């Protein structure tokens, strides 16, 4: 991962204090991060954050509670 891109992605991931980042997959210019969001009922929701285009990352989550917050951060 290029140093500048790595710094930008790390800064963005820090904006999600409610996510426990688990792993990532990276190849060339595409990076996908996987994380878990704790819930009050002892279950966890997932968050997948993909950086195909660093200016417009996309996400997928099972969290109804945090969906809008995630979209606002991105």
Protein backbone atom coordinates (compact mmCIF):
# COMPACT_ATOMS: atom_id res chain seq x y z
CA UNK A 1 0.00 0.00 0.00
CA UNK A 2 1.41 3.35 -0.95
CA UNK A 3 2.40 5.42 2.07
CA UNK A 4 0.02 8.31 1.30
CA UNK A 5 -2.91 5.98 0.65
CA UNK A 6 -2.14 4.01 3.80
CA UNK A 7 -2.19 7.21 5.87
CA UNK A 8 -5.52 8.32 4.37
CA UNK A 9 -7.13 4.94 4.99
CA UNK A 10 -5.85 4.75 8.59
CA UNK A 11 -7.24 8.23 9.27
CA UNK A 12 -10.63 7.19 7.92
CA UNK A 13 -10.70 3.91 9.88
CA UNK A 14 -10.08 5.88 13.09
CA UNK A 15 -13.39 7.66 12.51
CA UNK A 16 -15.15 4.38 13.34
CA UNK A 17 -14.48 3.93 17.09
CA UNK A 18 -17.54 1.65 17.34
CA UNK A 19 -15.97 -0.90 14.94
CA UNK A 20 -13.52 -3.61 15.96
CA UNK A 21 -11.46 -4.05 12.79
CA UNK A 22 -10.68 -7.71 12.20
CA UNK A 23 -8.75 -8.10 8.94
CA UNK A 24 -8.18 -6.71 5.49
CA UNK A 25 -7.42 -7.92 2.00
CA UNK A 26 -5.32 -5.78 -0.31
CA UNK A 27 -4.24 -6.16 -3.88
CA UNK A 28 -2.74 -3.41 -6.01
CA UNK A 29 -5.17 -0.51 -5.75
CA UNK A 30 -8.07 -2.23 -3.97
CA UNK A 31 -8.37 -2.77 -0.22
CA UNK A 32 -11.23 -4.31 1.72
CA UNK A 33 -11.52 -4.09 5.51
CA UNK A 34 -13.73 -6.26 7.69
CA UNK A 35 -14.93 -5.30 11.15
CA UNK A 36 -17.45 -6.08 13.86
CA UNK A 37 -19.86 -3.81 15.71
CA UNK A 38 -20.94 -4.96 19.17
CA UNK A 39 -24.65 -4.91 19.87
CA UNK A 40 -26.59 -4.67 23.12
CA UNK A 41 -28.04 -8.19 22.67
CA UNK A 42 -24.60 -9.91 22.72
CA UNK A 43 -24.59 -10.38 18.94
CA UNK A 44 -22.38 -8.46 16.52
CA UNK A 45 -23.02 -6.74 13.22
CA UNK A 46 -20.48 -6.75 10.40
CA UNK A 47 -19.03 -3.89 8.41
CA UNK A 48 -17.21 -4.32 5.11
CA UNK A 49 -15.43 -1.23 3.86
CA UNK A 50 -13.93 -1.30 0.35
CA UNK A 51 -11.48 1.15 -1.16
CA UNK A 52 -11.57 0.56 -4.90
CA UNK A 53 -11.71 4.31 -5.40
CA UNK A 54 -10.13 6.03 -2.36
CA UNK A 55 -12.31 9.09 -2.82
CA UNK A 56 -15.54 7.03 -2.83
CA UNK A 57 -15.24 3.94 -0.63
CA UNK A 58 -18.29 1.71 -0.45
CA UNK A 59 -19.59 -0.24 2.50
CA UNK A 60 -21.92 -3.06 3.43
CA UNK A 61 -23.20 -3.61 6.96
CA UNK A 62 -25.76 -5.63 8.87
CA UNK A 63 -26.14 -2.80 11.39
CA UNK A 64 -29.44 -1.00 11.25
CA UNK A 65 -28.32 1.20 14.15
CA UNK A 66 -25.11 2.48 12.51
CA UNK A 67 -25.95 2.46 8.77
CA UNK A 68 -26.68 6.18 8.54
CA UNK A 69 -23.72 7.10 10.74
CA UNK A 70 -21.37 5.05 8.56
CA UNK A 71 -22.72 6.72 5.41
CA UNK A 72 -22.28 10.15 7.00
CA UNK A 73 -18.65 9.42 7.91
CA UNK A 74 -17.88 8.32 4.37
